[in-house]
Amino acid sequence: MLKNILLFVLLILLLAGLLEFFLRFQFGFCNSPLYISHPDFEYIYAPNQDVKRFGNVVKTNSFSMRNEEIQPTDTLNILLIGDSVVNGGSMTDQDSIASTLLQKRFRAEGYSGIKVLNISAGSWGPDNIAAYLKKYGTFNAKLICLVTSSHDAHDIMSHISPVGIDSGYPEKQYPLALIELWDRYRNIIWYGLEKGIFEPMASIFQETPETIETTIPTSDPNPTPTEIADEGIQKDGIGFNPGYAELDSIAKAEGIPFFIYLHPETSELALGHFNEQGQSIIEFAQHNNIRLVNEFELGIDSTYYRPMDVVHYNSMGQKFLEKQLYPLFLNYLTAQQ
């Protein structure tokens, strides 16, 4: 009897060891991009990281941008700012995010000194970004592009950092991959098993809390337009996000062209237009004479979004964003020459 118990225990330990090895080396568990808290803009990726997670490389420089280090030869800087849509997280490789694609394309076209600086973090609102620029400056930028979505209208800073508290914002690595699997992903895995959803494993390990909270679809086969709109990301900030006006003021004070690129959530794709939150962003831009690019007018569709996701681009979507922004950026740069 005792022998059988020992064999059973050894078998469990062996299986646990194999799963630990598999999670670490196949999916990059215990190698997550880490975050730091900041009193001005709540949180951001920790600086100077180079990690590989779910097969994707995530790098940050000394300013916590998702870029290589800024060099003296980088004389033509563009700020591409936003939240996890711009950042890509560990679900998107460093070479596949729009900022990297844009920089490579411009350099291939002869703009050797160009740097497309990716200033972003998951669940950031425009006020987080404005606070970052007030802290670190605009890096001699020639252009600022804010990629935003409807929920950002009320995504207002609480100045309560989730770092080290919310499992989506780790400040240190887990000691074991099995602990990380249970702590971060158990709810998503149970949901997937319950619904019989068999996506590739990496696609269910969504890294940002705003994705996890909004990927469960409605059970109603014929939802009303209001119900469709309510499926989108809902933030509880009171009033319109002051960061939009702050970014406009920063750009005007330094004479930097600034425009807004409005990206819809999948619930808005179903509606065929932006919801009330998105409309408030459009009205703000119109009232303040800020150029706003409406992605509906550029041919956005659901094939550019991740599976089980309401807002984030997949790799095709990042290429789509690069394709749309390149001529816009080029027009601004040539106008300055």
Protein backbone atom coordinates (compact mmCIF):
# COMPACT_ATOMS: atom_id res chain seq x y z
CA MET A 1 0.00 0.00 0.00
CA LEU A 2 2.76 2.42 1.01
CA LYS A 3 4.66 1.58 -2.17
CA ASN A 4 1.64 2.43 -4.31
CA ILE A 5 1.21 5.76 -2.51
CA LEU A 6 4.87 6.62 -3.07
CA LEU A 7 4.60 5.71 -6.75
CA PHE A 8 1.51 7.87 -7.06
CA VAL A 9 3.25 10.81 -5.39
CA LEU A 10 6.29 10.38 -7.63
CA LEU A 11 4.04 10.29 -10.69
CA ILE A 12 2.30 13.52 -9.62
CA LEU A 13 5.66 15.20 -9.02
CA LEU A 14 6.92 14.02 -12.40
CA LEU A 15 3.85 15.33 -14.20
CA ALA A 16 4.08 18.64 -12.30
CA GLY A 17 7.74 18.92 -13.24
CA LEU A 18 6.99 18.27 -16.90
CA LEU A 19 4.17 20.84 -16.88
CA GLU A 20 6.45 23.35 -15.14
CA PHE A 21 9.12 22.81 -17.78
CA PHE A 22 6.55 23.06 -20.60
CA LEU A 23 5.00 26.30 -19.29
CA ARG A 24 8.39 27.94 -18.80
CA PHE A 25 10.03 27.00 -22.07
CA GLN A 26 7.03 26.84 -24.40
CA PHE A 27 5.03 29.82 -23.14
CA GLY A 28 7.53 31.90 -21.19
CA PHE A 29 5.91 31.61 -17.78
CA CYS A 30 7.98 33.18 -14.98
CA ASN A 31 9.30 35.56 -17.64
CA SER A 32 6.52 38.14 -17.83
CA PRO A 33 7.12 41.82 -18.63
CA LEU A 34 7.16 43.53 -15.24
CA TYR A 35 5.65 46.83 -14.14
CA ILE A 36 6.65 49.64 -11.82
CA SER A 37 4.43 52.13 -10.02
CA HIS A 38 4.78 55.86 -10.59
CA PRO A 39 3.18 58.69 -8.58
CA ASP A 40 2.46 60.80 -11.66
CA PHE A 41 1.04 58.29 -14.16
CA GLU A 42 0.21 55.30 -11.91
CA TYR A 43 2.29 52.57 -13.58
CA ILE A 44 4.28 51.55 -16.64
CA TYR A 45 6.47 48.72 -17.88
CA ALA A 46 9.71 48.52 -15.91
CA PRO A 47 12.63 50.01 -17.88
CA ASN A 48 15.37 48.07 -19.63
CA GLN A 49 13.57 44.76 -20.06
CA ASP A 50 14.21 42.10 -22.67
CA VAL A 51 11.92 39.12 -22.12
CA LYS A 52 10.30 36.45 -24.26
CA ARG A 53 6.72 35.52 -23.46
CA PHE A 54 4.38 33.30 -25.53
CA GLY A 55 7.10 33.26 -28.17
CA ASN A 56 7.08 37.07 -28.42
CA VAL A 57 9.93 39.39 -27.51
CA VAL A 58 9.11 42.41 -25.34
CA LYS A 59 11.79 45.08 -24.93
CA THR A 60 11.76 48.40 -23.11
CA ASN A 61 14.31 51.18 -22.98
CA SER A 62 15.39 53.34 -20.03
CA PHE A 63 12.22 55.44 -20.40
CA SER A 64 10.00 52.32 -20.32
CA MET A 65 9.05 52.84 -23.99
CA ARG A 66 8.62 49.73 -26.08
CA ASN A 67 11.69 50.71 -28.10
CA GLU A 68 15.41 50.35 -28.28
CA GLU A 69 17.37 53.04 -26.46
CA ILE A 70 17.16 56.55 -27.93
CA GLN A 71 20.41 57.46 -29.69
CA PRO A 72 21.98 60.84 -30.55
CA THR A 73 21.48 59.92 -34.21
CA ASP A 74 17.70 59.75 -33.69
CA THR A 75 16.94 63.25 -34.91
CA LEU A 76 13.40 62.73 -36.18
CA ASN A 77 11.21 61.44 -33.38
CA ILE A 78 7.51 60.64 -33.66
CA LEU A 79 5.44 59.84 -30.57
CA LEU A 80 2.94 57.01 -31.03
CA ILE A 81 1.02 57.08 -27.77
CA GLY A 82 -1.85 55.09 -26.32
CA ASP A 83 -2.80 52.08 -24.22
CA SER A 84 -2.43 48.33 -24.78
CA VAL A 85 -3.73 48.69 -28.35
CA VAL A 86 -0.49 50.53 -29.20
CA ASN A 87 1.67 48.62 -26.74
CA GLY A 88 0.67 45.16 -27.97
CA GLY A 89 1.73 43.52 -24.72
CA SER A 90 3.36 40.12 -24.68
CA MET A 91 0.80 38.85 -27.18
CA THR A 92 2.63 40.83 -29.90
CA ASP A 93 6.30 40.50 -30.78
CA GLN A 94 8.50 43.59 -30.71
CA ASP A 95 9.04 43.35 -34.46
CA SER A 96 5.28 43.14 -35.12
CA ILE A 97 4.00 46.23 -33.31
CA ALA A 98 3.03 49.17 -35.49
CA SER A 99 5.72 51.48 -34.08
CA THR A 100 8.50 49.06 -35.08
CA LEU A 101 6.93 48.46 -38.50
CA LEU A 102 6.62 52.19 -39.13
CA GLN A 103 10.19 52.88 -38.09
CA LYS A 104 11.55 50.12 -40.34
CA ARG A 105 9.50 51.36 -43.28
CA PHE A 106 10.59 54.96 -42.89
CA ARG A 107 14.24 53.98 -42.57
CA ALA A 108 13.95 51.82 -45.67
CA GLU A 109 12.63 54.91 -47.47
CA GLY A 110 15.69 56.93 -46.48
CA TYR A 111 14.61 58.52 -43.19
CA SER A 112 17.68 57.22 -41.36
CA GLY A 113 17.29 59.38 -38.25
CA ILE A 114 13.67 58.53 -37.55
CA LYS A 115 12.47 56.92 -34.32
CA VAL A 116 8.81 56.03 -33.70
CA LEU A 117 8.62 56.11 -29.92
CA ASN A 118 6.01 53.79 -28.42
CA ILE A 119 4.80 55.45 -25.21
CA SER A 120 2.01 53.28 -23.88
CA ALA A 121 0.78 50.89 -21.21
CA GLY A 122 -2.18 48.58 -20.77
CA SER A 123 -5.34 50.38 -19.61
CA TRP A 124 -3.71 53.80 -19.77
CA GLY A 125 -5.97 56.72 -20.55
CA PRO A 126 -4.93 59.99 -22.21
CA ASP A 127 -4.35 61.54 -18.76
CA ASN A 128 -1.74 58.87 -17.96
CA ILE A 129 0.04 59.72 -21.19
CA ALA A 130 -0.13 63.46 -20.58
CA ALA A 131 1.35 62.94 -17.11
CA TYR A 132 4.19 60.90 -18.63
CA LEU A 133 5.00 63.66 -21.14
CA LYS A 134 4.91 66.29 -18.41
CA LYS A 135 7.42 64.21 -16.46
CA TYR A 136 9.83 63.27 -19.26
CA GLY A 137 9.10 65.79 -22.01
CA THR A 138 8.30 65.21 -25.67
CA PHE A 139 11.74 63.97 -26.79
CA ASN A 140 12.10 66.63 -29.52
CA ALA A 141 9.15 65.08 -31.32
CA LYS A 142 8.10 66.29 -34.75
CA LEU A 143 4.65 64.68 -34.51
CA ILE A 144 2.35 63.17 -31.88
CA CYS A 145 -0.30 60.56 -32.71
CA LEU A 146 -2.73 59.38 -30.03
CA VAL A 147 -4.39 56.02 -30.76
CA THR A 148 -7.48 55.91 -28.59
CA SER A 149 -10.78 54.05 -28.21
CA SER A 150 -14.21 54.96 -26.92
CA HIS A 151 -13.70 53.70 -23.37
CA ASP A 152 -10.79 56.13 -22.95
CA ALA A 153 -13.31 58.96 -22.70
CA HIS A 154 -13.93 57.97 -19.07
CA ASP A 155 -10.73 56.04 -18.29
CA ILE A 156 -9.53 58.58 -15.73
CA MET A 157 -6.61 58.03 -13.38
CA SER A 158 -7.38 57.02 -9.81
CA HIS A 159 -3.72 57.35 -8.75
CA ILE A 160 -4.02 53.92 -7.15
CA SER A 161 -1.42 51.70 -8.74
CA PRO A 162 -2.41 48.08 -9.47
CA VAL A 163 1.23 46.97 -9.63
CA GLY A 164 1.88 44.00 -7.39
CA ILE A 165 -1.81 43.85 -6.46
CA ASP A 166 -3.56 42.98 -9.72
CA SER A 167 -2.04 39.83 -11.24
CA GLY A 168 -2.10 41.54 -14.64
CA TYR A 169 0.53 44.01 -13.39
CA PRO A 170 3.32 41.90 -11.84
CA GLU A 171 6.25 43.61 -10.15
CA LYS A 172 8.27 40.41 -9.83
CA GLN A 173 8.33 36.99 -11.42
CA TYR A 174 6.44 34.07 -9.93
CA PRO A 175 8.64 31.42 -8.29
CA LEU A 176 6.85 28.63 -10.16
CA ALA A 177 5.03 28.54 -13.50
CA LEU A 178 2.29 26.40 -11.94
CA ILE A 179 1.60 29.11 -9.38
CA GLU A 180 1.44 31.73 -12.13
CA LEU A 181 -0.91 29.55 -14.20
CA TRP A 182 -3.32 29.22 -11.28
CA ASP A 183 -3.07 32.81 -10.07
CA ARG A 184 -3.39 34.61 -13.41
CA TYR A 185 -5.32 32.35 -15.75
CA ARG A 186 -7.56 29.93 -13.88
CA ASN A 187 -10.78 31.89 -14.58
CA ILE A 188 -10.09 32.12 -18.31
CA ILE A 189 -9.19 28.42 -18.52
CA TRP A 190 -12.35 27.36 -16.66
CA TYR A 191 -14.44 29.56 -18.92
CA GLY A 192 -12.84 28.11 -22.04
CA LEU A 193 -13.33 24.53 -20.86
CA GLU A 194 -16.91 25.19 -19.85
CA LYS A 195 -17.81 26.74 -23.21
CA GLY A 196 -15.86 24.20 -25.22
CA ILE A 197 -13.66 26.86 -26.80
CA PHE A 198 -10.49 25.32 -28.21
CA GLU A 199 -8.30 28.21 -29.31
CA PRO A 200 -4.50 27.96 -29.48
CA MET A 201 -3.27 28.11 -25.90
CA ALA A 202 -1.52 31.47 -26.23
CA SER A 203 -4.71 33.16 -27.43
CA ILE A 204 -6.50 32.57 -24.12
CA PHE A 205 -3.64 33.82 -21.99
CA GLN A 206 -4.60 37.47 -22.46
CA GLU A 207 -2.23 39.76 -20.59
CA THR A 208 -4.27 42.86 -19.90
CA PRO A 209 -7.11 43.03 -17.36
CA GLU A 210 -9.27 45.10 -19.71
CA THR A 211 -9.24 42.16 -22.13
CA ILE A 212 -10.06 39.55 -19.50
CA GLU A 213 -12.97 41.56 -18.18
CA THR A 214 -14.64 42.03 -21.55
CA THR A 215 -14.06 38.92 -23.65
CA ILE A 216 -17.04 36.90 -22.46
CA PRO A 217 -19.74 37.26 -25.14
CA THR A 218 -23.42 37.78 -24.58
CA SER A 219 -25.67 34.72 -24.38
CA ASP A 220 -28.45 36.55 -26.22
CA PRO A 221 -28.43 35.51 -29.91
CA ASN A 222 -30.30 38.68 -30.94
CA PRO A 223 -28.99 41.54 -28.82
CA THR A 224 -30.34 45.06 -29.20
CA PRO A 225 -28.01 47.92 -30.27
CA THR A 226 -27.95 49.09 -26.64
CA GLU A 227 -26.94 45.62 -25.44
CA ILE A 228 -24.23 45.45 -28.09
CA ALA A 229 -22.86 48.82 -26.99
CA ASP A 230 -22.95 47.73 -23.35
CA GLU A 231 -20.70 44.77 -24.20
CA GLY A 232 -17.84 47.19 -24.83
CA ILE A 233 -15.28 48.22 -22.25
CA GLN A 234 -16.89 50.35 -19.56
CA LYS A 235 -14.80 52.66 -17.36
CA ASP A 236 -16.18 54.35 -14.27
CA GLY A 237 -14.43 57.72 -14.46
CA ILE A 238 -16.66 60.74 -13.92
CA GLY A 239 -16.61 63.31 -16.71
CA PHE A 240 -14.62 63.50 -19.91
CA ASN A 241 -10.97 62.49 -19.65
CA PRO A 242 -8.90 65.68 -19.18
CA GLY A 243 -5.91 64.05 -20.84
CA TYR A 244 -7.20 64.82 -24.33
CA ALA A 245 -7.07 68.57 -23.65
CA GLU A 246 -3.74 68.24 -21.82
CA LEU A 247 -2.13 66.45 -24.76
CA ASP A 248 -3.46 69.11 -27.11
CA SER A 249 -2.04 71.83 -24.85
CA ILE A 250 1.37 70.13 -24.63
CA ALA A 251 1.55 69.81 -28.41
CA LYS A 252 0.48 73.41 -29.04
CA ALA A 253 2.90 74.78 -26.42
CA GLU A 254 5.81 73.09 -28.21
CA GLY A 255 4.53 73.61 -31.75
CA ILE A 256 4.17 69.88 -32.44
CA PRO A 257 1.46 68.64 -34.83
CA PHE A 258 -0.99 66.41 -32.96
CA PHE A 259 -3.81 64.20 -34.17
CA ILE A 260 -6.14 61.53 -32.79
CA TYR A 261 -6.65 58.09 -34.36
CA LEU A 262 -9.94 56.61 -33.09
CA HIS A 263 -10.01 52.80 -33.04
CA PRO A 264 -13.34 50.99 -32.51
CA GLU A 265 -14.12 48.11 -30.20
CA THR A 266 -15.68 44.99 -31.74
CA SER A 267 -19.06 45.89 -30.23
CA GLU A 268 -18.90 49.09 -32.27
CA LEU A 269 -18.06 47.10 -35.40
CA ALA A 270 -21.35 45.28 -34.81
CA LEU A 271 -23.13 48.62 -34.44
CA GLY A 272 -21.43 50.13 -37.48
CA HIS A 273 -20.50 53.31 -35.62
CA PHE A 274 -18.91 54.57 -32.42
CA ASN A 275 -20.94 54.47 -29.21
CA GLU A 276 -21.74 57.51 -27.07
CA GLN A 277 -18.28 57.50 -25.49
CA GLY A 278 -16.60 57.47 -28.89
CA GLN A 279 -18.92 60.19 -30.13
CA SER A 280 -17.86 62.40 -27.21
CA ILE A 281 -14.23 62.05 -28.35
CA ILE A 282 -15.22 63.01 -31.89
CA GLU A 283 -17.13 66.04 -30.61
CA PHE A 284 -14.16 67.09 -28.45
CA ALA A 285 -11.84 66.95 -31.47
CA GLN A 286 -14.26 68.93 -33.61
CA HIS A 287 -14.79 71.57 -30.92
CA ASN A 288 -11.03 72.02 -30.44
CA ASN A 289 -10.03 71.84 -34.12
CA ILE A 290 -7.99 68.67 -33.60
CA ARG A 291 -7.64 66.34 -36.54
CA LEU A 292 -9.35 63.00 -35.84
CA VAL A 293 -8.92 59.95 -38.04
CA ASN A 294 -11.98 57.68 -37.90
CA GLU A 295 -10.86 54.09 -38.40
CA PHE A 296 -14.31 53.11 -39.66
CA GLU A 297 -13.49 55.14 -42.77
CA LEU A 298 -10.30 53.13 -43.36
CA GLY A 299 -11.84 49.66 -43.70
CA ILE A 300 -11.31 48.21 -40.22
CA ASP A 301 -12.99 44.84 -39.66
CA SER A 302 -12.98 41.95 -37.18
CA THR A 303 -10.19 40.04 -38.95
CA TYR A 304 -7.73 42.54 -37.46
CA TYR A 305 -8.63 41.70 -33.84
CA ARG A 306 -7.39 38.91 -31.58
CA PRO A 307 -9.68 35.95 -30.91
CA MET A 308 -11.92 36.39 -27.86
CA ASP A 309 -10.96 40.06 -27.65
CA VAL A 310 -12.90 43.30 -27.96
CA VAL A 311 -10.26 45.90 -28.80
CA HIS A 312 -6.71 44.63 -29.39
CA TYR A 313 -5.13 44.18 -32.80
CA ASN A 314 -3.66 40.86 -33.83
CA SER A 315 -0.47 40.91 -35.91
CA MET A 316 -2.50 41.62 -39.06
CA GLY A 317 -4.14 44.49 -37.22
CA GLN A 318 -0.78 45.98 -36.25
CA LYS A 319 0.19 45.87 -39.93
CA PHE A 320 -3.14 47.48 -40.79
CA LEU A 321 -2.41 50.29 -38.31
CA GLU A 322 1.07 50.77 -39.78
CA LYS A 323 -0.40 50.90 -43.28
CA GLN A 324 -2.87 53.62 -42.27
CA LEU A 325 -0.44 55.72 -40.25
CA TYR A 326 2.47 55.69 -42.70
CA PRO A 327 0.96 58.11 -45.27
CA LEU A 328 -0.38 60.32 -42.49
CA PHE A 329 3.02 60.55 -40.82
CA LEU A 330 4.71 61.08 -44.18
CA ASN A 331 2.43 64.01 -45.02
CA TYR A 332 3.26 65.74 -41.75
CA LEU A 333 7.00 65.15 -42.15
CA THR A 334 7.17 66.36 -45.75
CA ALA A 335 5.18 69.46 -44.82
CA GLN A 336 7.87 70.34 -42.25
CA GLN A 337 10.76 70.05 -44.72
